[in-house]
Amino acid sequence: MTTGADPQTEGAGRSRIEAAFDLLPDALIVFDAAGRLSGCNRAARRSLGVADDAATPDLGGLLAAAPGLAPEDRAELARAFEVAASGGGGEAIVRCASGQIFTLVGHGFGDGWTVALATEPTRPRSATLHGEIDALTGLMNRAAFRESISDAEIEMRSRAAATALLYLDLDRFKQVNDTLGHAIGDTLLARAAERMRKALRSDDTLGRLGGDEFGVITRTASREAVEALAARLIDFVSRPYLIDGHLITVGVSVGAAFMPADAAKADDLARCADLALYSAKDDGRGTLRFFRPAMSEQAAARRLLEIDLRKAMVLGEFELHYQPQMPADGGEVVGFEALLRWNHPTRGRVSPADFIPVAEETGQIVAIGEWVLRTAAAEAATWPERVAIAVNVSPIQFRSNRLVETVAAVLERTGLAPHRLEIEITEGVLLHDEQTNLATLARIHAMGVRVAIDDFGTGYASLAYLKRFPFDKIKIDQSFVREMMSSADSDAIVGSIVSLGRKLGMTTIAEGVETAEQLRRIRSHGCAEVQGYLTGRPMSQQDVRDLLNPERGRDARRAT
């Protein structure tokens, strides 16, 4: 059809019409008489999640450019468009696998058809139903918050709306709970939750995942915006709290992940945020960490380590080495500390720094610790009566409520005299459920077993614990010994600990003695015993036997 109009004028007219078509608030898709796609405005593209610059030569291309549609959804929508753009008009409803619902209504005009596309809105859930509210904080509970992540996934798929998920964990909360009680801990959680609310925008979603863990869903998806949000959260939560006369300070660690950049599904997004939070806690706390793909590799490596660790006991891959403890002024060995070693068939020698934290987190440390205790005591029973054995006990073993019975059973089975067994604990044992653990220590001490406090001087409450329990031995942390020749403060601390131990009737032993100069300085302070590479490196069971009974060792070597 010819209108006689100037081509440039006609082109400009069509551009203005197309611009007006794009500005219409209703989502409209136009088909010609043959059912071919001839127009799609911006509102329709956004309803489908199609980018403005995506090539859409036909209906198939339009639906293929919608990132949130599964193949079966595209096929169903194509059929629905045919129904809506058929003679006499029509209406079709499509429920997609993503959860999005589309309603299509056809209208005829001239020799073509316009299909109006409507979608059910996906908005953040509000926890208004019974069972969706966390009673302590008034926030969404874990189940409701998890549904909100799923809603965010649907919104992302239907509207190409990027989302960020933040997981938060309070730092040092467990110490507050254990030392000041659960009532104050609950008040602290409620106060922290209120501060989190104040740090968020009105359209952000906040929930309590359980314990001292929280989650935030934010539609502000830029890295800079999430950094600013996390900074507000860390600042607000970390300010001191005054609760029942106690001035309390806690921090918060934050892990963040983006959808769809890091994950396209709710479950995967939650996993990514959790890995990022784990990294934040591991990197010093009070920080924000974004998810990185390497975190998934690290998590996979950790899972493999867990599996190998579970098999190690059954396959006999553990062994004990023993480091001598010597009188500071010279003489024969007075004891050994049992040190756990893991010889993996393909990993080789695995460092305790790598596998002990995993064993503690998974609870495997209880069985491993019992094996160490049984094996060390059985070996010590073959040594001369003057030689003792020291075994380190994890805080996790105390929580298992089996330690007293295990110690009693080991002494009975091996015949080891109780005074030759020394249980070493760190401050961490007493930080958790102090009264119960002190009672456990008292029961062990009543058997005649000696108790030592390890890494003394590195915690905040060591002096208080010396008043609450009659320790037999104080182990001076090696960091002070290492620095005592170059730091007057460290030297003074060592001298003070030795003097304190003497006044309290407790033996002092310096760990990490590596040089003759350190040994001389330790002696000048009056420290009773030393342990370190200078006086003896960790050694195998056979090397210990050779050291304690040279004649038998020489005979054994001649026989071989």
Protein backbone atom coordinates (compact mmCIF):
# COMPACT_ATOMS: atom_id res chain seq x y z
CA MET A 1 0.00 0.00 0.00
CA THR A 2 1.34 3.43 -1.00
CA THR A 3 0.53 6.56 0.97
CA GLY A 4 2.53 9.07 -1.07
CA ALA A 5 4.22 10.29 2.07
CA ASP A 6 7.92 11.17 2.14
CA PRO A 7 9.89 8.07 3.18
CA GLN A 8 11.83 9.97 5.85
CA THR A 9 8.62 11.39 7.27
CA GLU A 10 7.00 7.96 7.19
CA GLY A 11 10.05 6.42 8.95
CA ALA A 12 9.94 9.09 11.64
CA GLY A 13 6.26 8.41 12.14
CA ARG A 14 6.83 4.73 12.57
CA SER A 15 9.60 5.45 15.12
CA ARG A 16 7.28 7.61 17.17
CA ILE A 17 4.61 4.92 17.12
CA GLU A 18 7.11 2.27 18.12
CA ALA A 19 8.38 4.49 20.94
CA ALA A 20 4.84 5.02 22.20
CA PHE A 21 4.20 1.24 21.93
CA ASP A 22 7.27 0.59 24.07
CA LEU A 23 6.10 3.07 26.72
CA LEU A 24 2.72 1.41 27.24
CA PRO A 25 2.46 -0.06 30.77
CA ASP A 26 0.60 -3.16 29.56
CA ALA A 27 2.60 -6.07 28.20
CA LEU A 28 1.53 -6.42 24.55
CA ILE A 29 2.64 -8.78 21.79
CA VAL A 30 1.38 -8.26 18.22
CA PHE A 31 0.82 -10.93 15.56
CA ASP A 32 -0.11 -10.50 11.90
CA ALA A 33 -2.95 -12.32 10.13
CA ALA A 34 -0.68 -15.32 9.48
CA GLY A 35 0.14 -15.64 13.19
CA ARG A 36 3.69 -14.33 12.79
CA LEU A 37 5.25 -12.16 15.52
CA SER A 38 5.35 -8.54 14.37
CA GLY A 39 5.83 -6.57 17.62
CA CYS A 40 6.67 -6.90 21.34
CA ASN A 41 6.85 -3.94 23.67
CA ARG A 42 9.27 -3.43 26.57
CA ALA A 43 6.71 -4.39 29.24
CA ALA A 44 6.17 -7.75 27.55
CA ARG A 45 9.90 -8.37 27.29
CA ARG A 46 10.33 -7.66 30.98
CA SER A 47 7.42 -9.92 31.92
CA LEU A 48 9.19 -12.73 30.11
CA GLY A 49 12.63 -11.70 31.37
CA VAL A 50 13.92 -10.98 27.86
CA ALA A 51 16.72 -8.42 27.50
CA ASP A 52 15.87 -5.26 25.52
CA ASP A 53 18.66 -5.91 23.02
CA ALA A 54 17.89 -9.62 22.53
CA ALA A 55 17.21 -10.69 18.92
CA THR A 56 13.58 -11.90 18.60
CA PRO A 57 12.84 -12.54 14.93
CA ASP A 58 9.85 -14.74 15.71
CA LEU A 59 7.85 -16.15 18.63
CA GLY A 60 10.29 -19.03 19.04
CA GLY A 61 13.18 -16.60 19.27
CA LEU A 62 11.30 -14.45 21.77
CA LEU A 63 10.61 -17.38 24.08
CA ALA A 64 14.11 -18.79 23.63
CA ALA A 65 15.52 -15.46 24.88
CA ALA A 66 13.58 -15.77 28.16
CA PRO A 67 16.22 -17.12 30.62
CA GLY A 68 13.80 -18.36 33.27
CA LEU A 69 11.74 -20.63 31.00
CA ALA A 70 12.33 -24.35 30.81
CA PRO A 71 11.92 -25.99 27.35
CA GLU A 72 8.54 -27.40 28.32
CA ASP A 73 7.45 -23.92 29.50
CA ARG A 74 8.40 -22.43 26.13
CA ALA A 75 6.42 -25.09 24.27
CA GLU A 76 3.36 -24.54 26.50
CA LEU A 77 3.56 -20.77 26.08
CA ALA A 78 3.87 -21.10 22.29
CA ARG A 79 0.65 -23.14 22.21
CA ALA A 80 -1.04 -20.61 24.53
CA PHE A 81 -0.10 -17.72 22.22
CA GLU A 82 -1.65 -19.63 19.31
CA VAL A 83 -4.88 -19.97 21.30
CA ALA A 84 -4.96 -16.33 22.35
CA ALA A 85 -4.13 -15.08 18.84
CA SER A 86 -6.75 -17.24 17.13
CA GLY A 87 -9.99 -16.24 15.52
CA GLY A 88 -12.50 -14.82 17.97
CA GLY A 89 -9.88 -14.13 20.63
CA GLY A 90 -9.33 -16.29 23.62
CA GLU A 91 -7.64 -16.63 27.00
CA ALA A 92 -4.99 -19.06 28.13
CA ILE A 93 -3.27 -19.59 31.51
CA VAL A 94 0.18 -21.17 31.75
CA ARG A 95 1.74 -22.33 35.03
CA CYS A 96 5.49 -22.69 34.50
CA ALA A 97 7.84 -25.08 36.24
CA SER A 98 9.55 -22.03 37.82
CA GLY A 99 6.29 -21.20 39.62
CA GLN A 100 5.50 -18.18 37.44
CA ILE A 101 1.92 -17.91 36.16
CA PHE A 102 1.13 -16.20 32.82
CA THR A 103 -2.33 -15.16 31.63
CA LEU A 104 -2.72 -14.42 27.90
CA VAL A 105 -5.74 -12.58 26.48
CA GLY A 106 -6.11 -12.08 22.72
CA HIS A 107 -7.76 -9.10 20.98
CA GLY A 108 -8.36 -8.88 17.23
CA PHE A 109 -7.65 -5.70 15.24
CA GLY A 110 -7.83 -5.28 11.51
CA ASP A 111 -6.08 -8.26 10.00
CA GLY A 112 -3.93 -9.01 13.06
CA TRP A 113 -4.02 -9.84 16.75
CA THR A 114 -2.70 -8.33 19.97
CA VAL A 115 -2.09 -10.57 22.96
CA ALA A 116 -2.02 -8.95 26.38
CA LEU A 117 0.35 -10.77 28.71
CA ALA A 118 -0.23 -10.64 32.46
CA THR A 119 1.83 -12.26 35.21
CA GLU A 120 1.08 -12.95 38.84
CA PRO A 121 3.32 -10.67 40.88
CA THR A 122 6.13 -12.26 42.89
CA ARG A 123 6.80 -10.20 45.97
CA PRO A 124 8.90 -10.96 49.05
CA ARG A 125 7.01 -13.10 51.49
CA SER A 126 5.88 -11.57 54.73
CA ALA A 127 5.83 -14.02 57.60
CA THR A 128 2.26 -13.53 58.69
CA LEU A 129 1.07 -17.11 58.88
CA HIS A 130 1.13 -19.15 62.06
CA GLY A 131 4.41 -20.97 62.40
CA GLU A 132 6.44 -18.59 60.22
CA ILE A 133 7.51 -16.18 62.97
CA ASP A 134 10.55 -16.67 65.17
CA ALA A 135 9.17 -16.14 68.68
CA LEU A 136 12.36 -14.62 70.12
CA THR A 137 13.14 -11.96 67.49
CA GLY A 138 9.84 -11.52 65.65
CA LEU A 139 11.62 -12.22 62.35
CA MET A 140 10.84 -14.83 59.75
CA ASN A 141 11.91 -18.25 60.93
CA ARG A 142 14.14 -20.56 58.93
CA ALA A 143 11.34 -22.20 56.93
CA ALA A 144 9.70 -18.92 55.96
CA PHE A 145 13.03 -17.35 55.03
CA ARG A 146 13.86 -20.35 52.87
CA GLU A 147 10.56 -19.81 51.02
CA SER A 148 11.58 -16.19 50.48
CA ILE A 149 14.76 -17.33 48.76
CA SER A 150 12.61 -19.49 46.48
CA ASP A 151 10.39 -16.46 45.76
CA ALA A 152 13.51 -14.48 44.85
CA GLU A 153 14.47 -17.24 42.42
CA ILE A 154 11.05 -17.05 40.74
CA GLU A 155 11.29 -13.28 40.52
CA MET A 156 14.76 -13.50 39.06
CA ARG A 157 13.63 -15.97 36.41
CA SER A 158 10.49 -14.07 35.41
CA ARG A 159 11.81 -10.53 35.58
CA ALA A 160 15.59 -11.01 35.26
CA ALA A 161 15.82 -9.34 38.69
CA ALA A 162 19.22 -9.95 40.29
CA THR A 163 19.27 -10.74 44.02
CA ALA A 164 21.89 -10.96 46.75
CA LEU A 165 21.69 -13.32 49.72
CA LEU A 166 23.65 -12.52 52.88
CA TYR A 167 24.20 -14.98 55.72
CA LEU A 168 25.23 -13.54 59.09
CA ASP A 169 26.66 -15.19 62.20
CA LEU A 170 27.34 -13.42 65.49
CA ASP A 171 30.96 -13.56 66.64
CA ARG A 172 31.67 -14.51 70.26
CA PHE A 173 27.98 -15.09 70.99
CA LYS A 174 28.58 -18.59 72.39
CA GLN A 175 30.99 -17.18 74.96
CA VAL A 176 28.32 -14.73 76.12
CA ASN A 177 25.72 -17.50 76.30
CA ASP A 178 28.02 -19.82 78.22
CA THR A 179 29.39 -17.28 80.68
CA LEU A 180 26.36 -15.01 81.31
CA GLY A 181 23.53 -17.48 80.74
CA HIS A 182 20.85 -18.15 78.14
CA ALA A 183 18.50 -15.41 79.38
CA ILE A 184 21.05 -12.71 78.60
CA GLY A 185 21.96 -14.53 75.40
CA ASP A 186 18.33 -14.43 74.26
CA THR A 187 18.08 -10.72 75.05
CA LEU A 188 21.25 -10.13 73.07
CA LEU A 189 19.82 -11.97 70.06
CA ALA A 190 16.64 -9.88 70.15
CA ARG A 191 18.63 -6.63 70.42
CA ALA A 192 20.96 -7.64 67.59
CA ALA A 193 17.98 -8.51 65.38
CA GLU A 194 16.47 -5.07 66.02
CA ARG A 195 19.72 -3.40 65.00
CA MET A 196 19.80 -5.47 61.83
CA ARG A 197 16.31 -4.23 60.96
CA LYS A 198 17.53 -0.64 61.26
CA ALA A 199 20.42 -1.32 58.90
CA LEU A 200 18.16 -2.59 56.11
CA ARG A 201 15.99 -0.92 53.51
CA SER A 202 12.23 -1.33 53.49
CA ASP A 203 12.24 -3.93 50.68
CA ASP A 204 15.02 -6.09 52.16
CA THR A 205 14.02 -9.36 53.81
CA LEU A 206 15.47 -10.41 57.17
CA GLY A 207 15.11 -13.77 58.90
CA ARG A 208 16.58 -15.79 61.75
CA LEU A 209 17.94 -19.11 60.59
CA GLY A 210 18.43 -20.49 64.09
CA GLY A 211 20.82 -19.95 67.00
CA ASP A 212 22.88 -16.85 66.27
CA GLU A 213 22.54 -17.11 62.48
CA PHE A 214 20.54 -14.68 60.34
CA GLY A 215 19.84 -14.11 56.65
CA VAL A 216 19.13 -11.08 54.46
CA ILE A 217 17.71 -11.03 50.94
CA THR A 218 18.29 -7.77 49.09
CA ARG A 219 17.30 -6.81 45.55
CA THR A 220 20.20 -4.34 45.45
CA ALA A 221 22.47 -6.60 43.49
CA SER A 222 25.63 -4.57 42.88
CA ARG A 223 28.77 -5.53 44.74
CA GLU A 224 29.17 -1.96 46.02
CA ALA A 225 25.63 -1.86 47.41
CA VAL A 226 26.10 -5.18 49.22
CA GLU A 227 29.43 -3.99 50.64
CA ALA A 228 27.68 -0.87 51.98
CA LEU A 229 24.86 -2.95 53.46
CA ALA A 230 27.28 -5.37 55.12
CA ALA A 231 29.29 -2.45 56.52
CA ARG A 232 26.11 -1.05 58.12
CA LEU A 233 25.20 -4.42 59.57
CA ILE A 234 28.68 -4.99 61.02
CA ASP A 235 28.76 -1.45 62.43
CA PHE A 236 25.28 -1.57 64.01
CA VAL A 237 25.58 -5.08 65.48
CA SER A 238 29.12 -4.57 66.82
CA ARG A 239 28.27 -1.58 69.00
CA PRO A 240 28.26 -2.43 72.74
CA TYR A 241 25.09 -3.68 74.46
CA LEU A 242 24.17 -2.98 78.07
CA ILE A 243 22.09 -5.91 79.35
CA ASP A 244 21.29 -6.41 83.04
CA GLY A 245 24.32 -4.41 84.05
CA HIS A 246 26.68 -6.29 81.71
CA LEU A 247 28.47 -4.37 78.95
CA ILE A 248 28.62 -6.87 76.09
CA THR A 249 30.38 -6.62 72.74
CA VAL A 250 29.88 -9.09 69.92
CA GLY A 251 30.66 -8.89 66.25
CA VAL A 252 29.09 -10.28 63.11
CA SER A 253 30.55 -12.07 60.10
CA VAL A 254 28.85 -11.86 56.71
CA GLY A 255 28.93 -14.12 53.66
CA ALA A 256 27.27 -12.97 50.43
CA ALA A 257 26.34 -14.56 47.11
CA PHE A 258 24.53 -13.26 44.02
CA MET A 259 21.77 -14.75 41.89
CA PRO A 260 22.15 -15.44 39.02
CA ALA A 261 25.88 -14.58 38.91
CA ASP A 262 26.88 -17.20 41.51
CA ALA A 263 23.86 -19.49 41.40
CA ALA A 264 20.63 -19.73 39.42
CA LYS A 265 18.65 -21.75 41.99
CA ALA A 266 17.65 -21.05 45.57
CA ASP A 267 19.36 -24.12 47.03
CA ASP A 268 22.62 -23.35 45.25
CA LEU A 269 22.45 -19.70 46.28
CA ALA A 270 22.05 -20.68 49.93
CA ARG A 271 25.00 -23.05 49.66
CA CYS A 272 27.17 -20.31 48.11
CA ALA A 273 26.26 -17.81 50.85
CA ASP A 274 27.00 -20.42 53.49
CA LEU A 275 30.44 -21.11 52.01
CA ALA A 276 31.15 -17.37 51.93
CA LEU A 277 30.12 -17.05 55.59
CA TYR A 278 32.40 -19.95 56.52
CA SER A 279 35.25 -18.10 54.81
CA ALA A 280 34.43 -14.88 56.70
CA LYS A 281 34.52 -16.72 60.03
CA ASP A 282 37.75 -18.43 59.07
CA ASP A 283 39.43 -15.17 57.98
CA GLY A 284 39.23 -13.43 61.33
CA ARG A 285 35.53 -12.62 61.79
CA GLY A 286 33.85 -9.22 61.72
CA THR A 287 34.26 -9.24 57.95
CA LEU A 288 32.37 -9.64 54.68
CA ARG A 289 33.36 -12.30 52.18
CA PHE A 290 31.82 -12.78 48.75
CA PHE A 291 31.39 -16.23 47.31
CA ARG A 292 34.17 -17.41 45.01
CA PRO A 293 34.12 -20.62 42.92
CA ALA A 294 37.30 -21.72 44.71
CA MET A 295 35.22 -22.00 47.88
CA SER A 296 33.27 -24.84 46.30
CA GLU A 297 36.52 -26.60 45.52
CA GLN A 298 37.69 -26.08 49.10
CA ALA A 299 34.38 -27.41 50.42
CA ALA A 300 34.66 -30.47 48.18
CA ALA A 301 38.22 -31.04 49.41
CA ARG A 302 37.03 -30.72 52.99
CA ARG A 303 34.26 -33.29 52.39
CA LEU A 304 36.84 -35.71 51.02
CA LEU A 305 38.99 -35.06 54.08
CA GLU A 306 36.00 -35.86 56.30
CA ILE A 307 35.43 -39.15 54.46
CA ASP A 308 39.10 -40.11 54.70
CA LEU A 309 39.14 -39.14 58.38
CA ARG A 310 36.21 -41.45 59.12
CA LYS A 311 38.08 -44.35 57.48
CA ALA A 312 41.42 -43.57 59.13
CA MET A 313 40.52 -45.13 62.47
CA VAL A 314 39.24 -48.35 60.91
CA LEU A 315 42.22 -48.65 58.58
CA GLY A 316 44.74 -48.03 61.34
CA GLU A 317 46.25 -44.91 59.80
CA PHE A 318 46.72 -43.09 63.11
CA GLU A 319 49.83 -43.43 65.25
CA LEU A 320 51.23 -41.67 68.29
CA HIS A 321 54.55 -39.96 68.67
CA TYR A 322 55.87 -38.91 72.05
CA GLN A 323 57.78 -35.73 72.94
CA PRO A 324 59.99 -35.90 76.05
CA GLN A 325 59.47 -33.66 79.06
CA MET A 326 62.70 -33.05 80.94
CA PRO A 327 63.72 -31.40 84.22
CA ALA A 328 64.90 -27.86 83.46
CA ASP A 329 68.10 -28.38 85.43
CA GLY A 330 68.99 -31.61 83.64
CA GLY A 331 68.49 -35.28 84.44
CA GLU A 332 66.36 -38.15 83.19
CA VAL A 333 63.12 -37.77 81.27
CA VAL A 334 60.11 -37.37 83.59
CA GLY A 335 57.33 -37.77 81.05
CA PHE A 336 56.14 -37.62 77.46
CA GLU A 337 53.31 -35.80 75.71
CA ALA A 338 51.34 -37.99 73.30
CA LEU A 339 51.05 -36.36 69.85
CA LEU A 340 48.63 -37.69 67.22
CA ARG A 341 49.93 -38.36 63.69
CA TRP A 342 47.94 -39.36 60.59
CA ASN A 343 49.72 -41.24 57.82
CA HIS A 344 47.38 -41.25 54.81
CA PRO A 345 48.18 -43.70 51.96
CA THR A 346 47.92 -41.01 49.25
CA ARG A 347 47.95 -37.69 51.13
CA GLY A 348 51.05 -38.65 53.08
CA ARG A 349 51.52 -37.11 56.52
CA VAL A 350 48.45 -34.92 57.23
CA SER A 351 49.08 -32.02 59.59
CA PRO A 352 47.06 -32.02 62.84
CA ALA A 353 46.33 -28.35 62.12
CA ASP A 354 44.37 -29.54 59.06
CA PHE A 355 42.50 -32.54 60.42
CA ILE A 356 41.91 -31.82 64.13
CA PRO A 357 39.52 -28.87 63.45
CA VAL A 358 37.57 -31.08 61.02
CA ALA A 359 37.45 -33.88 63.59
CA GLU A 360 36.14 -31.44 66.21
CA GLU A 361 33.48 -29.96 63.91
CA THR A 362 32.21 -33.38 62.86
CA GLY A 363 32.39 -34.89 66.36
CA GLN A 364 34.89 -37.55 65.29
CA ILE A 365 37.34 -36.15 67.84
CA VAL A 366 35.50 -38.06 70.59
CA ALA A 367 36.33 -41.49 69.15
CA ILE A 368 39.80 -40.35 68.08
CA GLY A 369 40.49 -38.89 71.52
CA GLU A 370 39.44 -42.11 73.23
CA TRP A 371 41.78 -44.07 70.95
CA VAL A 372 44.65 -41.71 71.81
CA LEU A 373 43.95 -42.09 75.53
CA ARG A 374 43.79 -45.90 75.37
CA THR A 375 46.88 -46.23 73.17
CA ALA A 376 49.01 -43.75 75.13
CA ALA A 377 48.11 -45.27 78.50
CA ALA A 378 48.78 -48.81 77.28
CA GLU A 379 52.21 -47.75 76.02
CA ALA A 380 53.04 -45.78 79.20
CA ALA A 381 52.20 -48.85 81.29
CA THR A 382 55.32 -50.51 79.82
CA TRP A 383 57.62 -47.62 80.87
CA PRO A 384 59.45 -47.17 84.18
CA GLU A 385 57.27 -46.04 87.07
CA ARG A 386 58.92 -42.61 87.20
CA VAL A 387 57.77 -41.68 83.65
CA ALA A 388 54.33 -40.10 83.11
CA ILE A 389 52.20 -39.66 80.00
CA ALA A 390 50.34 -36.43 79.09
CA VAL A 391 47.27 -36.58 76.82
CA ASN A 392 45.51 -33.54 75.41
CA VAL A 393 41.71 -33.60 75.68
CA SER A 394 39.46 -31.58 73.36
CA PRO A 395 36.55 -29.47 74.64
CA ILE A 396 34.32 -31.63 72.43
CA GLN A 397 35.25 -34.71 74.49
CA PHE A 398 34.00 -32.97 77.62
CA ARG A 399 30.63 -32.32 76.00
CA SER A 400 30.23 -36.02 75.18
CA ASN A 401 29.77 -36.84 78.91
CA ARG A 402 31.90 -39.98 78.48
CA LEU A 403 35.29 -38.70 79.57
CA VAL A 404 35.20 -39.78 83.24
CA GLU A 405 34.05 -43.30 82.38
CA THR A 406 36.63 -43.54 79.59
CA VAL A 407 39.50 -42.49 81.87
CA ALA A 408 38.42 -44.97 84.56
CA ALA A 409 38.10 -47.79 82.03
CA VAL A 410 41.52 -47.03 80.50
CA LEU A 411 43.24 -47.06 83.90
CA GLU A 412 41.59 -50.35 84.81
CA ARG A 413 42.35 -52.02 81.48
CA THR A 414 45.99 -50.91 81.22
CA GLY A 415 46.93 -51.04 84.90
CA LEU A 416 48.57 -47.62 84.60
CA ALA A 417 48.90 -45.89 87.99
CA PRO A 418 46.55 -42.86 88.00
CA HIS A 419 49.28 -40.40 89.05
CA ARG A 420 51.22 -41.29 85.89
CA LEU A 421 48.40 -40.08 83.64
CA GLU A 422 48.14 -36.34 83.02
CA ILE A 423 45.12 -34.81 81.28
CA GLU A 424 45.92 -31.55 79.47
CA ILE A 425 43.13 -29.06 78.80
CA THR A 426 43.00 -25.60 77.25
CA GLU A 427 40.87 -22.69 78.35
CA GLY A 428 38.33 -23.66 75.71
CA VAL A 429 37.19 -26.53 77.92
CA LEU A 430 36.11 -24.13 80.66
CA LEU A 431 34.59 -21.51 78.38
CA HIS A 432 31.74 -23.91 77.55
CA ASP A 433 29.47 -24.97 80.41
CA GLU A 434 32.13 -24.12 82.97
CA GLN A 435 30.44 -25.57 86.05
CA THR A 436 29.77 -28.96 84.45
CA ASN A 437 33.30 -29.21 83.07
CA LEU A 438 34.86 -28.19 86.40
CA ALA A 439 32.84 -30.96 88.02
CA THR A 440 34.13 -33.41 85.39
CA LEU A 441 37.71 -32.34 86.08
CA ALA A 442 37.13 -32.77 89.82
CA ARG A 443 35.94 -36.37 89.29
CA ILE A 444 39.01 -37.15 87.19
CA HIS A 445 41.28 -35.50 89.75
CA ALA A 446 39.68 -37.53 92.52
CA MET A 447 40.88 -40.71 90.78
CA GLY A 448 44.46 -39.52 91.29
CA VAL A 449 44.92 -38.40 87.69
CA ARG A 450 46.92 -35.19 87.26
CA VAL A 451 45.43 -32.23 85.37
CA ALA A 452 47.41 -29.57 83.48
CA ILE A 453 46.26 -26.32 81.86
CA ASP A 454 47.83 -25.98 78.42
CA ASP A 455 48.78 -22.82 76.45
CA PHE A 456 48.69 -20.82 79.68
CA GLY A 457 48.78 -17.05 79.28
CA THR A 458 47.08 -16.84 75.88
CA GLY A 459 43.49 -16.52 77.17
CA TYR A 460 41.61 -13.88 79.09
CA ALA A 461 40.56 -15.91 82.10
CA SER A 462 43.56 -18.15 82.86
CA LEU A 463 44.26 -16.58 86.26
CA ALA A 464 40.61 -16.94 87.31
CA TYR A 465 40.68 -20.63 86.43
CA LEU A 466 43.73 -21.22 88.64
CA LYS A 467 41.60 -20.08 91.57
CA ARG A 468 38.67 -22.33 90.64
CA PHE A 469 40.53 -25.60 90.10
CA PRO A 470 43.67 -27.10 91.71
CA PHE A 471 45.68 -27.77 88.55
CA ASP A 472 48.79 -29.89 89.01
CA LYS A 473 50.75 -28.32 86.19
CA ILE A 474 50.86 -25.08 84.20
CA LYS A 475 52.20 -25.28 80.64
CA ILE A 476 53.68 -21.93 79.59
CA ASP A 477 52.69 -21.24 75.98
CA GLN A 478 55.54 -21.53 73.51
CA SER A 479 54.84 -18.07 72.05
CA PHE A 480 56.19 -16.49 75.25
CA VAL A 481 59.21 -18.81 75.29
CA ARG A 482 59.95 -18.03 71.65
CA GLU A 483 59.89 -14.26 72.24
CA MET A 484 61.43 -14.07 75.71
CA MET A 485 64.96 -13.34 74.42
CA SER A 486 63.78 -10.39 72.31
CA SER A 487 60.80 -9.14 74.30
CA ALA A 488 61.07 -7.92 77.88
CA ASP A 489 57.30 -8.31 78.22
CA SER A 490 57.36 -12.00 77.25
CA ASP A 491 60.30 -12.61 79.58
CA ALA A 492 58.43 -10.93 82.43
CA ILE A 493 55.32 -13.00 81.71
CA VAL A 494 57.31 -16.24 81.87
CA GLY A 495 58.85 -15.18 85.18
CA SER A 496 55.45 -14.24 86.60
CA ILE A 497 53.85 -17.53 85.60
CA VAL A 498 56.69 -19.52 87.18
CA SER A 499 56.42 -17.47 90.39
CA LEU A 500 52.63 -17.87 90.45
CA GLY A 501 52.88 -21.62 89.95
CA ARG A 502 55.40 -21.96 92.77
CA LYS A 503 53.15 -20.05 95.18
CA LEU A 504 50.12 -22.17 94.22
CA GLY A 505 52.04 -25.44 94.48
CA MET A 506 51.76 -26.14 90.74
CA THR A 507 54.55 -27.49 88.55
CA THR A 508 55.48 -25.22 85.61
CA ILE A 509 56.72 -26.52 82.26
CA ALA A 510 57.90 -24.34 79.37
CA GLU A 511 56.89 -25.49 75.87
CA GLY A 512 58.76 -24.84 72.66
CA VAL A 513 62.29 -24.60 74.08
CA GLU A 514 64.56 -24.70 71.03
CA THR A 515 67.82 -22.92 71.95
CA ALA A 516 70.37 -23.11 74.74
CA GLU A 517 69.80 -19.41 75.44
CA GLN A 518 66.09 -20.03 76.03
CA LEU A 519 66.90 -22.95 78.33
CA ARG A 520 69.29 -20.85 80.40
CA ARG A 521 66.69 -18.12 80.73
CA ILE A 522 64.00 -20.63 81.70
CA ARG A 523 66.29 -22.05 84.38
CA SER A 524 67.02 -18.56 85.76
CA HIS A 525 63.29 -18.09 86.35
CA GLY A 526 63.10 -21.38 88.26
CA CYS A 527 60.81 -23.24 85.82
CA ALA A 528 60.63 -26.91 86.80
CA GLU A 529 60.38 -28.68 83.42
CA VAL A 530 60.94 -28.04 79.71
CA GLN A 531 59.64 -29.50 76.49
CA GLY A 532 60.88 -28.70 72.99
CA TYR A 533 63.20 -29.56 70.13
CA LEU A 534 66.28 -28.72 72.20
CA THR A 535 65.64 -31.48 74.73
CA GLY A 536 63.83 -33.93 72.48
CA ARG A 537 61.81 -34.07 69.28
CA PRO A 538 58.63 -36.16 69.00
CA MET A 539 59.65 -39.81 68.59
CA SER A 540 58.12 -43.13 67.71
CA GLN A 541 57.06 -45.80 70.17
CA GLN A 542 60.23 -47.81 69.52
CA ASP A 543 62.47 -44.76 69.92
CA VAL A 544 60.88 -44.07 73.31
CA ARG A 545 61.56 -47.66 74.41
CA ASP A 546 65.16 -47.38 73.27
CA LEU A 547 65.55 -44.11 75.16
CA LEU A 548 64.11 -45.48 78.38
CA ASN A 549 65.85 -48.85 78.18
CA PRO A 550 69.04 -48.53 76.09
CA GLU A 551 70.17 -52.09 76.82
CA ARG A 552 66.91 -53.59 75.56
CA GLY A 553 67.08 -51.36 72.50
CA ARG A 554 70.59 -52.53 71.65
CA ASP A 555 69.56 -56.16 72.11
CA ALA A 556 66.58 -55.67 69.81
CA ARG A 557 68.76 -54.09 67.13
CA ARG A 558 71.29 -56.94 67.35
CA ALA A 559 68.48 -59.47 66.93
CA THR A 560 67.42 -57.83 63.67
